Amino acid sequence: MKLISHNEYAWQQLPGYRKNVLLTGEELHDVGACVQLVAVEPGETIPDHYHKTSYEVYYVLQGSCRLFVNGEEIMLNLGVVLLMEPGDVHKLTNNGSQRFLLLVFKTNAKKNDTYWSN
């Protein structure tokens, strides 16, 4: 067993969001896997991007956010679970007044597997 508590100082700032890696592939005994928290503040947008190999499972912990996937708009709200597959072009926009918090489980991830569309 391993009890995980996120480290407030381990957040990384990226375009339109912050992430905090809770478990690495090494800790999960799977090089291509990880678990992370993603926070999108009100008014922020994670720009269009995709992954060639990564699968991402999203679980919404707090707030709501507009997700655009391959041109389709989906509202993400508390408790929603979504699978993002390789090649899915996606962006998130937080138009709400509350921080959007997402738990992300990644599999088959490779280094530098995020491709920004801009």
PDB file of N, CA and C in Angstrom:
ATOM      1  N   MET A   1       0.837  -1.175   0.000  1.00  0.00           N
ATOM      2  CA  MET A   1       0.000   0.000   0.000  1.00  0.00           C
ATOM      3  C   MET A   1       0.884   1.240   0.000  1.00  0.00           C
ATOM      4  N   LYS A   2       0.357   2.282  -0.650  1.00  0.00           N
ATOM      5  CA  LYS A   2       1.061   3.564  -0.651  1.00  0.00           C
ATOM      6  C   LYS A   2       0.004   4.652  -0.553  1.00  0.00           C
ATOM      7  N   LEU A   3       0.073   5.463   0.479  1.00  0.00           N
ATOM      8  CA  LEU A   3      -0.852   6.573   0.663  1.00  0.00           C
ATOM      9  C   LEU A   3      -0.267   7.787  -0.045  1.00  0.00           C
ATOM     10  N   ILE A   4      -1.059   8.381  -0.927  1.00  0.00           N
ATOM     11  CA  ILE A   4      -0.590   9.515  -1.720  1.00  0.00           C
ATOM     12  C   ILE A   4      -1.298  10.777  -1.248  1.00  0.00           C
ATOM     13  N   SER A   5      -0.535  11.801  -0.938  1.00  0.00           N
ATOM     14  CA  SER A   5      -1.125  13.115  -0.691  1.00  0.00           C
ATOM     15  C   SER A   5      -0.387  14.090  -1.598  1.00  0.00           C
ATOM     16  N   HIS A   6      -1.153  14.898  -2.314  1.00  0.00           N
ATOM     17  CA  HIS A   6      -0.498  15.771  -3.283  1.00  0.00           C
ATOM     18  C   HIS A   6       0.306  16.851  -2.573  1.00  0.00           C
ATOM     19  N   ASN A   7       1.414  17.199  -3.192  1.00  0.00           N
ATOM     20  CA  ASN A   7       2.339  18.190  -2.673  1.00  0.00           C
ATOM     21  C   ASN A   7       2.001  19.534  -3.302  1.00  0.00           C
ATOM     22  N   GLU A   8       1.568  20.491  -2.498  1.00  0.00           N
ATOM     23  CA  GLU A   8       1.170  21.802  -2.997  1.00  0.00           C
ATOM     24  C   GLU A   8       2.307  22.484  -3.764  1.00  0.00           C
ATOM     25  N   TYR A   9       3.545  22.107  -3.511  1.00  0.00           N
ATOM     26  CA  TYR A   9       4.681  22.742  -4.169  1.00  0.00           C
ATOM     27  C   TYR A   9       5.133  22.012  -5.433  1.00  0.00           C
ATOM     28  N   ALA A  10       4.471  20.913  -5.776  1.00  0.00           N
ATOM     29  CA  ALA A  10       4.884  20.122  -6.933  1.00  0.00           C
ATOM     30  C   ALA A  10       4.115  20.477  -8.206  1.00  0.00           C
ATOM     31  N   TRP A  11       3.280  21.518  -8.156  1.00  0.00           N
ATOM     32  CA  TRP A  11       2.514  21.925  -9.333  1.00  0.00           C
ATOM     33  C   TRP A  11       3.444  22.463 -10.415  1.00  0.00           C
ATOM     34  N   GLN A  12       3.166  22.086 -11.659  1.00  0.00           N
ATOM     35  CA  GLN A  12       3.901  22.590 -12.820  1.00  0.00           C
ATOM     36  C   GLN A  12       2.954  23.464 -13.625  1.00  0.00           C
ATOM     37  N   GLN A  13       3.402  24.673 -13.983  1.00  0.00           N
ATOM     38  CA  GLN A  13       2.583  25.571 -14.797  1.00  0.00           C
ATOM     39  C   GLN A  13       2.797  25.246 -16.269  1.00  0.00           C
ATOM     40  N   LEU A  14       1.706  25.049 -16.998  1.00  0.00           N
ATOM     41  CA  LEU A  14       1.735  24.761 -18.427  1.00  0.00           C
ATOM     42  C   LEU A  14       0.740  25.691 -19.111  1.00  0.00           C
ATOM     43  N   PRO A  15       0.657  25.679 -20.454  1.00  0.00           N
ATOM     44  CA  PRO A  15      -0.245  26.615 -21.148  1.00  0.00           C
ATOM     45  C   PRO A  15      -1.713  26.460 -20.729  1.00  0.00           C
ATOM     46  N   GLY A  16      -2.227  27.401 -19.934  1.00  0.00           N
ATOM     47  CA  GLY A  16      -3.621  27.417 -19.539  1.00  0.00           C
ATOM     48  C   GLY A  16      -3.997  26.550 -18.354  1.00  0.00           C
ATOM     49  N   TYR A  17      -3.035  25.852 -17.750  1.00  0.00           N
ATOM     50  CA  TYR A  17      -3.355  24.961 -16.627  1.00  0.00           C
ATOM     51  C   TYR A  17      -2.120  24.661 -15.791  1.00  0.00           C
ATOM     52  N   ARG A  18      -2.385  24.027 -14.641  1.00  0.00           N
ATOM     53  CA  ARG A  18      -1.316  23.515 -13.787  1.00  0.00           C
ATOM     54  C   ARG A  18      -1.568  22.029 -13.591  1.00  0.00           C
ATOM     55  N   LYS A  19      -0.482  21.275 -13.416  1.00  0.00           N
ATOM     56  CA  LYS A  19      -0.642  19.852 -13.124  1.00  0.00           C
ATOM     57  C   LYS A  19       0.264  19.453 -11.982  1.00  0.00           C
ATOM     58  N   ASN A  20      -0.171  18.417 -11.272  1.00  0.00           N
ATOM     59  CA  ASN A  20       0.559  17.881 -10.134  1.00  0.00           C
ATOM     60  C   ASN A  20       0.584  16.367 -10.307  1.00  0.00           C
ATOM     61  N   VAL A  21       1.748  15.813 -10.605  1.00  0.00           N
ATOM     62  CA  VAL A  21       1.866  14.368 -10.814  1.00  0.00           C
ATOM     63  C   VAL A  21       1.818  13.670  -9.457  1.00  0.00           C
ATOM     64  N   LEU A  22       0.809  12.809  -9.287  1.00  0.00           N
ATOM     65  CA  LEU A  22       0.621  12.089  -8.028  1.00  0.00           C
ATOM     66  C   LEU A  22       1.360  10.756  -8.027  1.00  0.00           C
ATOM     67  N   LEU A  23       1.328  10.074  -9.153  1.00  0.00           N
ATOM     68  CA  LEU A  23       2.028   8.787  -9.293  1.00  0.00           C
ATOM     69  C   LEU A  23       2.703   8.735 -10.658  1.00  0.00           C
ATOM     70  N   THR A  24       3.942   8.304 -10.675  1.00  0.00           N
ATOM     71  CA  THR A  24       4.699   8.174 -11.920  1.00  0.00           C
ATOM     72  C   THR A  24       4.615   6.742 -12.430  1.00  0.00           C
ATOM     73  N   GLY A  25       5.057   6.545 -13.646  1.00  0.00           N
ATOM     74  CA  GLY A  25       5.111   5.209 -14.215  1.00  0.00           C
ATOM     75  C   GLY A  25       5.984   4.271 -13.410  1.00  0.00           C
ATOM     76  N   GLU A  26       7.068   4.817 -12.860  1.00  0.00           N
ATOM     77  CA  GLU A  26       7.959   4.009 -12.023  1.00  0.00           C
ATOM     78  C   GLU A  26       7.217   3.497 -10.792  1.00  0.00           C
ATOM     79  N   GLU A  27       6.462   4.372 -10.152  1.00  0.00           N
ATOM     80  CA  GLU A  27       5.716   3.971  -8.955  1.00  0.00           C
ATOM     81  C   GLU A  27       4.591   2.997  -9.283  1.00  0.00           C
ATOM     82  N   LEU A  28       4.047   3.108 -10.491  1.00  0.00           N
ATOM     83  CA  LEU A  28       2.962   2.221 -10.922  1.00  0.00           C
ATOM     84  C   LEU A  28       3.475   0.946 -11.593  1.00  0.00           C
ATOM     85  N   HIS A  29       4.796   0.853 -11.752  1.00  0.00           N
ATOM     86  CA  HIS A  29       5.425  -0.295 -12.417  1.00  0.00           C
ATOM     87  C   HIS A  29       4.919  -0.454 -13.842  1.00  0.00           C
ATOM     88  N   ASP A  30       4.711   0.701 -14.500  1.00  0.00           N
ATOM     89  CA  ASP A  30       4.269   0.746 -15.890  1.00  0.00           C
ATOM     90  C   ASP A  30       4.810   2.046 -16.477  1.00  0.00           C
ATOM     91  N   VAL A  31       5.847   1.945 -17.269  1.00  0.00           N
ATOM     92  CA  VAL A  31       6.566   3.121 -17.768  1.00  0.00           C
ATOM     93  C   VAL A  31       5.642   4.142 -18.426  1.00  0.00           C
ATOM     94  N   GLY A  32       4.600   3.709 -19.109  1.00  0.00           N
ATOM     95  CA  GLY A  32       3.718   4.628 -19.831  1.00  0.00           C
ATOM     96  C   GLY A  32       2.515   5.107 -19.050  1.00  0.00           C
ATOM     97  N   ALA A  33       2.494   4.893 -17.747  1.00  0.00           N
ATOM     98  CA  ALA A  33       1.325   5.272 -16.939  1.00  0.00           C
ATOM     99  C   ALA A  33       1.677   6.387 -15.966  1.00  0.00           C
ATOM    100  N   CYS A  34       0.665   7.154 -15.583  1.00  0.00           N
ATOM    101  CA  CYS A  34       0.808   8.134 -14.506  1.00  0.00           C
ATOM    102  C   CYS A  34      -0.577   8.573 -14.060  1.00  0.00           C
ATOM    103  N   VAL A  35      -0.616   9.167 -12.884  1.00  0.00           N
ATOM    104  CA  VAL A  35      -1.845   9.750 -12.338  1.00  0.00           C
ATOM    105  C   VAL A  35      -1.504  11.179 -11.954  1.00  0.00           C
ATOM    106  N   GLN A  36      -2.339  12.122 -12.398  1.00  0.00           N
ATOM    107  CA  GLN A  36      -2.061  13.517 -12.106  1.00  0.00           C
ATOM    108  C   GLN A  36      -3.338  14.302 -11.846  1.00  0.00           C
ATOM    109  N   LEU A  37      -3.195  15.390 -11.093  1.00  0.00           N
ATOM    110  CA  LEU A  37      -4.265  16.363 -10.919  1.00  0.00           C
ATOM    111  C   LEU A  37      -4.029  17.476 -11.927  1.00  0.00           C
ATOM    112  N   VAL A  38      -5.092  17.941 -12.558  1.00  0.00           N
ATOM    113  CA  VAL A  38      -5.016  19.066 -13.486  1.00  0.00           C
ATOM    114  C   VAL A  38      -5.976  20.134 -12.988  1.00  0.00           C
ATOM    115  N   ALA A  39      -5.505  21.364 -12.879  1.00  0.00           N
ATOM    116  CA  ALA A  39      -6.324  22.493 -12.431  1.00  0.00           C
ATOM    117  C   ALA A  39      -6.371  23.550 -13.523  1.00  0.00           C
ATOM    118  N   VAL A  40      -7.602  23.978 -13.848  1.00  0.00           N
ATOM    119  CA  VAL A  40      -7.813  25.049 -14.816  1.00  0.00           C
ATOM    120  C   VAL A  40      -8.582  26.150 -14.087  1.00  0.00           C
ATOM    121  N   GLU A  41      -7.969  27.313 -13.974  1.00  0.00           N
ATOM    122  CA  GLU A  41      -8.591  28.421 -13.255  1.00  0.00           C
ATOM    123  C   GLU A  41      -9.676  29.084 -14.115  1.00  0.00           C
ATOM    124  N   PRO A  42     -10.617  29.784 -13.483  1.00  0.00           N
ATOM    125  CA  PRO A  42     -11.656  30.493 -14.236  1.00  0.00           C
ATOM    126  C   PRO A  42     -11.047  31.409 -15.295  1.00  0.00           C
ATOM    127  N   GLY A  43     -11.616  31.365 -16.503  1.00  0.00           N
ATOM    128  CA  GLY A  43     -11.139  32.194 -17.602  1.00  0.00           C
ATOM    129  C   GLY A  43      -9.966  31.616 -18.375  1.00  0.00           C
ATOM    130  N   GLU A  44      -9.414  30.507 -17.926  1.00  0.00           N
ATOM    131  CA  GLU A  44      -8.250  29.899 -18.588  1.00  0.00           C
ATOM    132  C   GLU A  44      -8.680  28.841 -19.612  1.00  0.00           C
ATOM    133  N   THR A  45      -7.814  28.608 -20.603  1.00  0.00           N
ATOM    134  CA  THR A  45      -8.042  27.603 -21.645  1.00  0.00           C
ATOM    135  C   THR A  45      -6.777  26.794 -21.862  1.00  0.00           C
ATOM    136  N   ILE A  46      -6.924  25.492 -21.896  1.00  0.00           N
ATOM    137  CA  ILE A  46      -5.831  24.621 -22.345  1.00  0.00           C
ATOM    138  C   ILE A  46      -5.978  24.549 -23.860  1.00  0.00           C
ATOM    139  N   PRO A  47      -4.993  25.028 -24.623  1.00  0.00           N
ATOM    140  CA  PRO A  47      -5.131  25.092 -26.089  1.00  0.00           C
ATOM    141  C   PRO A  47      -5.269  23.713 -26.737  1.00  0.00           C
ATOM    142  N   ASP A  48      -5.735  23.733 -27.998  1.00  0.00           N
ATOM    143  CA  ASP A  48      -5.855  22.503 -28.789  1.00  0.00           C
ATOM    144  C   ASP A  48      -4.550  21.722 -28.775  1.00  0.00           C
ATOM    145  N   HIS A  49      -4.666  20.437 -28.498  1.00  0.00           N
ATOM    146  CA  HIS A  49      -3.511  19.548 -28.546  1.00  0.00           C
ATOM    147  C   HIS A  49      -4.001  18.105 -28.692  1.00  0.00           C
ATOM    148  N   TYR A  50      -3.057  17.212 -28.950  1.00  0.00           N
ATOM    149  CA  TYR A  50      -3.374  15.787 -29.036  1.00  0.00           C
ATOM    150  C   TYR A  50      -2.150  14.989 -28.619  1.00  0.00           C
ATOM    151  N   HIS A  51      -2.351  13.693 -28.469  1.00  0.00           N
ATOM    152  CA  HIS A  51      -1.281  12.764 -28.109  1.00  0.00           C
ATOM    153  C   HIS A  51      -1.276  11.634 -29.129  1.00  0.00           C
ATOM    154  N   LYS A  52      -0.100  11.242 -29.579  1.00  0.00           N
ATOM    155  CA  LYS A  52      -0.010  10.163 -30.574  1.00  0.00           C
ATOM    156  C   LYS A  52      -0.179   8.788 -29.955  1.00  0.00           C
ATOM    157  N   THR A  53       0.255   8.607 -28.700  1.00  0.00           N
ATOM    158  CA  THR A  53       0.209   7.268 -28.100  1.00  0.00           C
ATOM    159  C   THR A  53      -0.592   7.199 -26.807  1.00  0.00           C
ATOM    160  N   SER A  54      -0.759   8.317 -26.126  1.00  0.00           N
ATOM    161  CA  SER A  54      -1.369   8.314 -24.789  1.00  0.00           C
ATOM    162  C   SER A  54      -2.880   8.146 -24.809  1.00  0.00           C
ATOM    163  N   TYR A  55      -3.360   7.378 -23.859  1.00  0.00           N
ATOM    164  CA  TYR A  55      -4.777   7.316 -23.515  1.00  0.00           C
ATOM    165  C   TYR A  55      -4.907   8.082 -22.207  1.00  0.00           C
ATOM    166  N   GLU A  56      -5.981   8.879 -22.078  1.00  0.00           N
ATOM    167  CA  GLU A  56      -6.212   9.633 -20.853  1.00  0.00           C
ATOM    168  C   GLU A  56      -7.630   9.354 -20.370  1.00  0.00           C
ATOM    169  N   VAL A  57      -7.742   8.976 -19.108  1.00  0.00           N
ATOM    170  CA  VAL A  57      -9.053   8.819 -18.486  1.00  0.00           C
ATOM    171  C   VAL A  57      -9.227  10.011 -17.560  1.00  0.00           C
ATOM    172  N   TYR A  58     -10.289  10.782 -17.797  1.00  0.00           N
ATOM    173  CA  TYR A  58     -10.584  11.972 -17.000  1.00  0.00           C
ATOM    174  C   TYR A  58     -11.672  11.645 -15.985  1.00  0.00           C
ATOM    175  N   TYR A  59     -11.499  12.156 -14.766  1.00  0.00           N
ATOM    176  CA  TYR A  59     -12.544  12.100 -13.752  1.00  0.00           C
ATOM    177  C   TYR A  59     -12.640  13.488 -13.127  1.00  0.00           C
ATOM    178  N   VAL A  60     -13.797  14.128 -13.259  1.00  0.00           N
ATOM    179  CA  VAL A  60     -13.979  15.497 -12.778  1.00  0.00           C
ATOM    180  C   VAL A  60     -14.188  15.491 -11.269  1.00  0.00           C
ATOM    181  N   LEU A  61     -13.337  16.240 -10.565  1.00  0.00           N
ATOM    182  CA  LEU A  61     -13.403  16.344  -9.106  1.00  0.00           C
ATOM    183  C   LEU A  61     -14.102  17.607  -8.626  1.00  0.00           C
ATOM    184  N   GLN A  62     -14.008  18.674  -9.430  1.00  0.00           N
ATOM    185  CA  GLN A  62     -14.548  19.960  -8.978  1.00  0.00           C
ATOM    186  C   GLN A  62     -14.840  20.852 -10.176  1.00  0.00           C
ATOM    187  N   GLY A  63     -15.931  21.606 -10.109  1.00  0.00           N
ATOM    188  CA  GLY A  63     -16.254  22.609 -11.116  1.00  0.00           C
ATOM    189  C   GLY A  63     -16.822  22.014 -12.386  1.00  0.00           C
ATOM    190  N   SER A  64     -16.847  22.848 -13.414  1.00  0.00           N
ATOM    191  CA  SER A  64     -17.294  22.422 -14.734  1.00  0.00           C
ATOM    192  C   SER A  64     -16.416  23.099 -15.777  1.00  0.00           C
ATOM    193  N   CYS A  65     -16.380  22.519 -16.961  1.00  0.00           N
ATOM    194  CA  CYS A  65     -15.492  23.010 -18.004  1.00  0.00           C
ATOM    195  C   CYS A  65     -16.052  22.603 -19.362  1.00  0.00           C
ATOM    196  N   ARG A  66     -15.815  23.430 -20.359  1.00  0.00           N
ATOM    197  CA  ARG A  66     -16.187  23.072 -21.733  1.00  0.00           C
ATOM    198  C   ARG A  66     -15.003  22.344 -22.357  1.00  0.00           C
ATOM    199  N   LEU A  67     -15.255  21.159 -22.867  1.00  0.00           N
ATOM    200  CA  LEU A  67     -14.241  20.362 -23.547  1.00  0.00           C
ATOM    201  C   LEU A  67     -14.617  20.296 -25.014  1.00  0.00           C
ATOM    202  N   PHE A  68     -13.670  20.581 -25.870  1.00  0.00           N
ATOM    203  CA  PHE A  68     -13.863  20.446 -27.305  1.00  0.00           C
ATOM    204  C   PHE A  68     -12.982  19.298 -27.771  1.00  0.00           C
ATOM    205  N   VAL A  69     -13.604  18.270 -28.376  1.00  0.00           N
ATOM    206  CA  VAL A  69     -12.876  17.097 -28.862  1.00  0.00           C
ATOM    207  C   VAL A  69     -13.226  16.895 -30.324  1.00  0.00           C
ATOM    208  N   ASN A  70     -12.223  16.993 -31.190  1.00  0.00           N
ATOM    209  CA  ASN A  70     -12.438  16.797 -32.620  1.00  0.00           C
ATOM    210  C   ASN A  70     -13.613  17.629 -33.128  1.00  0.00           C
ATOM    211  N   GLY A  71     -13.733  18.867 -32.621  1.00  0.00           N
ATOM    212  CA  GLY A  71     -14.773  19.783 -33.068  1.00  0.00           C
ATOM    213  C   GLY A  71     -16.105  19.659 -32.346  1.00  0.00           C
ATOM    214  N   GLU A  72     -16.268  18.674 -31.467  1.00  0.00           N
ATOM    215  CA  GLU A  72     -17.514  18.492 -30.723  1.00  0.00           C
ATOM    216  C   GLU A  72     -17.364  19.063 -29.320  1.00  0.00           C
ATOM    217  N   GLU A  73     -18.393  19.781 -28.841  1.00  0.00           N
ATOM    218  CA  GLU A  73     -18.355  20.367 -27.503  1.00  0.00           C
ATOM    219  C   GLU A  73     -19.051  19.453 -26.498  1.00  0.00           C
ATOM    220  N   ILE A  74     -18.390  19.248 -25.344  1.00  0.00           N
ATOM    221  CA  ILE A  74     -18.918  18.419 -24.257  1.00  0.00           C
ATOM    222  C   ILE A  74     -18.736  19.203 -22.961  1.00  0.00           C
ATOM    223  N   MET A  75     -19.756  19.213 -22.120  1.00  0.00           N
ATOM    224  CA  MET A  75     -19.624  19.839 -20.799  1.00  0.00           C
ATOM    225  C   MET A  75     -19.124  18.789 -19.811  1.00  0.00           C
ATOM    226  N   LEU A  76     -18.051  19.111 -19.126  1.00  0.00           N
ATOM    227  CA  LEU A  76     -17.531  18.235 -18.090  1.00  0.00           C
ATOM    228  C   LEU A  76     -17.970  18.785 -16.736  1.00  0.00           C
ATOM    229  N   ASN A  77     -18.657  17.968 -15.958  1.00  0.00           N
ATOM    230  CA  ASN A  77     -19.157  18.344 -14.643  1.00  0.00           C
ATOM    231  C   ASN A  77     -18.728  17.310 -13.621  1.00  0.00           C
ATOM    232  N   LEU A  78     -18.927  17.643 -12.356  1.00  0.00           N
ATOM    233  CA  LEU A  78     -18.575  16.777 -11.245  1.00  0.00           C
ATOM    234  C   LEU A  78     -19.015  15.334 -11.488  1.00  0.00           C
ATOM    235  N   GLY A  79     -18.078  14.396 -11.345  1.00  0.00           N
ATOM    236  CA  GLY A  79     -18.371  12.982 -11.448  1.00  0.00           C
ATOM    237  C   GLY A  79     -18.293  12.396 -12.843  1.00  0.00           C
ATOM    238  N   VAL A  80     -18.140  13.220 -13.873  1.00  0.00           N
ATOM    239  CA  VAL A  80     -18.060  12.715 -15.245  1.00  0.00           C
ATOM    240  C   VAL A  80     -16.739  11.978 -15.448  1.00  0.00           C
ATOM    241  N   VAL A  81     -16.807  10.855 -16.178  1.00  0.00           N
ATOM    242  CA  VAL A  81     -15.625  10.092 -16.566  1.00  0.00           C
ATOM    243  C   VAL A  81     -15.575  10.075 -18.092  1.00  0.00           C
ATOM    244  N   LEU A  82     -14.405  10.305 -18.659  1.00  0.00           N
ATOM    245  CA  LEU A  82     -14.259  10.384 -20.111  1.00  0.00           C
ATOM    246  C   LEU A  82     -12.943   9.734 -20.516  1.00  0.00           C
ATOM    247  N   LEU A  83     -12.948   9.012 -21.628  1.00  0.00           N
ATOM    248  CA  LEU A  83     -11.724   8.426 -22.184  1.00  0.00           C
ATOM    249  C   LEU A  83     -11.301   9.238 -23.396  1.00  0.00           C
ATOM    250  N   MET A  84     -10.084   9.790 -23.351  1.00  0.00           N
ATOM    251  CA  MET A  84      -9.486  10.486 -24.480  1.00  0.00           C
ATOM    252  C   MET A  84      -8.509   9.516 -25.144  1.00  0.00           C
ATOM    253  N   GLU A  85      -8.671   9.322 -26.461  1.00  0.00           N
ATOM    254  CA  GLU A  85      -7.848   8.345 -27.181  1.00  0.00           C
ATOM    255  C   GLU A  85      -6.768   9.032 -28.013  1.00  0.00           C
ATOM    256  N   PRO A  86      -5.714   8.303 -28.386  1.00  0.00           N
ATOM    257  CA  PRO A  86      -4.663   8.902 -29.211  1.00  0.00           C
ATOM    258  C   PRO A  86      -5.261   9.538 -30.471  1.00  0.00           C
ATOM    259  N   GLY A  87      -4.762  10.723 -30.798  1.00  0.00           N
ATOM    260  CA  GLY A  87      -5.225  11.427 -31.988  1.00  0.00           C
ATOM    261  C   GLY A  87      -6.405  12.353 -31.753  1.00  0.00           C
ATOM    262  N   ASP A  88      -7.099  12.226 -30.618  1.00  0.00           N
ATOM    263  CA  ASP A  88      -8.216  13.125 -30.311  1.00  0.00           C
ATOM    264  C   ASP A  88      -7.675  14.524 -30.055  1.00  0.00           C
ATOM    265  N   VAL A  89      -8.046  15.485 -30.894  1.00  0.00           N
ATOM    266  CA  VAL A  89      -7.633  16.874 -30.693  1.00  0.00           C
ATOM    267  C   VAL A  89      -8.598  17.469 -29.678  1.00  0.00           C
ATOM    268  N   HIS A  90      -8.046  17.983 -28.577  1.00  0.00           N
ATOM    269  CA  HIS A  90      -8.901  18.463 -27.500  1.00  0.00           C
ATOM    270  C   HIS A  90      -8.368  19.741 -26.858  1.00  0.00           C
ATOM    271  N   LYS A  91      -9.312  20.521 -26.328  1.00  0.00           N
ATOM    272  CA  LYS A  91      -8.979  21.712 -25.542  1.00  0.00           C
ATOM    273  C   LYS A  91     -10.054  21.874 -24.481  1.00  0.00           C
ATOM    274  N   LEU A  92      -9.674  22.486 -23.369  1.00  0.00           N
ATOM    275  CA  LEU A  92     -10.590  22.739 -22.252  1.00  0.00           C
ATOM    276  C   LEU A  92     -10.672  24.234 -21.995  1.00  0.00           C
ATOM    277  N   THR A  93     -11.878  24.721 -21.753  1.00  0.00           N
ATOM    278  CA  THR A  93     -12.091  26.128 -21.418  1.00  0.00           C
ATOM    279  C   THR A  93     -12.930  26.211 -20.155  1.00  0.00           C
ATOM    280  N   ASN A  94     -12.412  26.921 -19.157  1.00  0.00           N
ATOM    281  CA  ASN A  94     -13.150  27.108 -17.912  1.00  0.00           C
ATOM    282  C   ASN A  94     -13.836  28.467 -17.954  1.00  0.00           C
ATOM    283  N   ASN A  95     -15.132  28.466 -18.289  1.00  0.00           N
ATOM    284  CA  ASN A  95     -15.916  29.702 -18.317  1.00  0.00           C
ATOM    285  C   ASN A  95     -16.625  29.952 -16.996  1.00  0.00           C
ATOM    286  N   GLY A  96     -16.427  29.074 -16.025  1.00  0.00           N
ATOM    287  CA  GLY A  96     -17.106  29.205 -14.742  1.00  0.00           C
ATOM    288  C   GLY A  96     -16.387  30.153 -13.801  1.00  0.00           C
ATOM    289  N   SER A  97     -16.874  30.192 -12.559  1.00  0.00           N
ATOM    290  CA  SER A  97     -16.293  31.076 -11.545  1.00  0.00           C
ATOM    291  C   SER A  97     -15.474  30.301 -10.522  1.00  0.00           C
ATOM    292  N   GLN A  98     -15.350  28.983 -10.729  1.00  0.00           N
ATOM    293  CA  GLN A  98     -14.668  28.110  -9.781  1.00  0.00           C
ATOM    294  C   GLN A  98     -13.531  27.370 -10.489  1.00  0.00           C
ATOM    295  N   ARG A  99     -12.470  27.063  -9.744  1.00  0.00           N
ATOM    296  CA  ARG A  99     -11.382  26.257 -10.286  1.00  0.00           C
ATOM    297  C   ARG A  99     -11.949  24.910 -10.757  1.00  0.00           C
ATOM    298  N   PHE A 100     -11.505  24.464 -11.929  1.00  0.00           N
ATOM    299  CA  PHE A 100     -11.869  23.155 -12.466  1.00  0.00           C
ATOM    300  C   PHE A 100     -10.744  22.204 -12.101  1.00  0.00           C
ATOM    301  N   LEU A 101     -11.087  21.087 -11.472  1.00  0.00           N
ATOM    302  CA  LEU A 101     -10.086  20.125 -11.020  1.00  0.00           C
ATOM    303  C   LEU A 101     -10.406  18.758 -11.599  1.00  0.00           C
ATOM    304  N   LEU A 102      -9.419  18.167 -12.233  1.00  0.00           N
ATOM    305  CA  LEU A 102      -9.577  16.932 -12.984  1.00  0.00           C
ATOM    306  C   LEU A 102      -8.518  15.932 -12.537  1.00  0.00           C
ATOM    307  N   LEU A 103      -8.929  14.698 -12.287  1.00  0.00           N
ATOM    308  CA  LEU A 103      -7.986  13.614 -12.032  1.00  0.00           C
ATOM    309  C   LEU A 103      -7.763  12.913 -13.365  1.00  0.00           C
ATOM    310  N   VAL A 104      -6.506  12.778 -13.784  1.00  0.00           N
ATOM    311  CA  VAL A 104      -6.175  12.193 -15.087  1.00  0.00           C
ATOM    312  C   VAL A 104      -5.325  10.950 -14.878  1.00  0.00           C
ATOM    313  N   PHE A 105      -5.785   9.836 -15.439  1.00  0.00           N
ATOM    314  CA  PHE A 105      -5.035   8.579 -15.454  1.00  0.00           C
ATOM    315  C   PHE A 105      -4.516   8.409 -16.876  1.00  0.00           C
ATOM    316  N   LYS A 106      -3.203   8.354 -17.057  1.00  0.00           N
ATOM    317  CA  LYS A 106      -2.620   8.188 -18.394  1.00  0.00           C
ATOM    318  C   LYS A 106      -2.050   6.789 -18.545  1.00  0.00           C
ATOM    319  N   THR A 107      -2.224   6.236 -19.738  1.00  0.00           N
ATOM    320  CA  THR A 107      -1.572   4.981 -20.084  1.00  0.00           C
ATOM    321  C   THR A 107      -0.912   5.139 -21.449  1.00  0.00           C
ATOM    322  N   ASN A 108       0.077   4.317 -21.692  1.00  0.00           N
ATOM    323  CA  ASN A 108       0.798   4.299 -22.957  1.00  0.00           C
ATOM    324  C   ASN A 108       1.427   5.652 -23.307  1.00  0.00           C
ATOM    325  N   ALA A 109       1.725   6.440 -22.293  1.00  0.00           N
ATOM    326  CA  ALA A 109       2.325   7.754 -22.518  1.00  0.00           C
ATOM    327  C   ALA A 109       3.808   7.618 -22.829  1.00  0.00           C
ATOM    328  N   LYS A 110       4.267   8.487 -23.680  1.00  0.00           N
ATOM    329  CA  LYS A 110       5.681   8.561 -24.027  1.00  0.00           C
ATOM    330  C   LYS A 110       6.149   9.991 -23.767  1.00  0.00           C
ATOM    331  N   LYS A 111       7.445  10.157 -23.578  1.00  0.00           N
ATOM    332  CA  LYS A 111       8.008  11.493 -23.371  1.00  0.00           C
ATOM    333  C   LYS A 111       7.727  12.353 -24.609  1.00  0.00           C
ATOM    334  N   ASN A 112       7.371  13.597 -24.377  1.00  0.00           N
ATOM    335  CA  ASN A 112       7.085  14.561 -25.452  1.00  0.00           C
ATOM    336  C   ASN A 112       5.947  14.100 -26.369  1.00  0.00           C
ATOM    337  N   ASP A 113       4.903  13.497 -25.791  1.00  0.00           N
ATOM    338  CA  ASP A 113       3.776  13.008 -26.581  1.00  0.00           C
ATOM    339  C   ASP A 113       2.613  14.008 -26.642  1.00  0.00           C
ATOM    340  N   THR A 114       2.843  15.252 -26.275  1.00  0.00           N
ATOM    341  CA  THR A 114       1.821  16.283 -26.401  1.00  0.00           C
ATOM    342  C   THR A 114       2.175  17.154 -27.594  1.00  0.00           C
ATOM    343  N   TYR A 115       1.254  17.249 -28.544  1.00  0.00           N
ATOM    344  CA  TYR A 115       1.461  18.022 -29.763  1.00  0.00           C
ATOM    345  C   TYR A 115       0.451  19.161 -29.782  1.00  0.00           C
ATOM    346  N   TRP A 116       0.941  20.387 -29.638  1.00  0.00           N
ATOM    347  CA  TRP A 116       0.079  21.573 -29.612  1.00  0.00           C
ATOM    348  C   TRP A 116      -0.261  21.968 -31.036  1.00  0.00           C
ATOM    349  N   SER A 117      -1.534  22.268 -31.283  1.00  0.00           N
ATOM    350  CA  SER A 117      -2.002  22.592 -32.624  1.00  0.00           C
ATOM    351  C   SER A 117      -1.608  23.988 -33.082  1.00  0.00           C
ATOM    352  N   ASN A 118      -1.302  24.886 -32.144  1.00  0.00           N
ATOM    353  CA  ASN A 118      -0.964  26.261 -32.521  1.00  0.00           C
ATOM    354  C   ASN A 118       0.453  26.298 -33.046  1.00  0.00           C
TER     355      ASN A 118
END
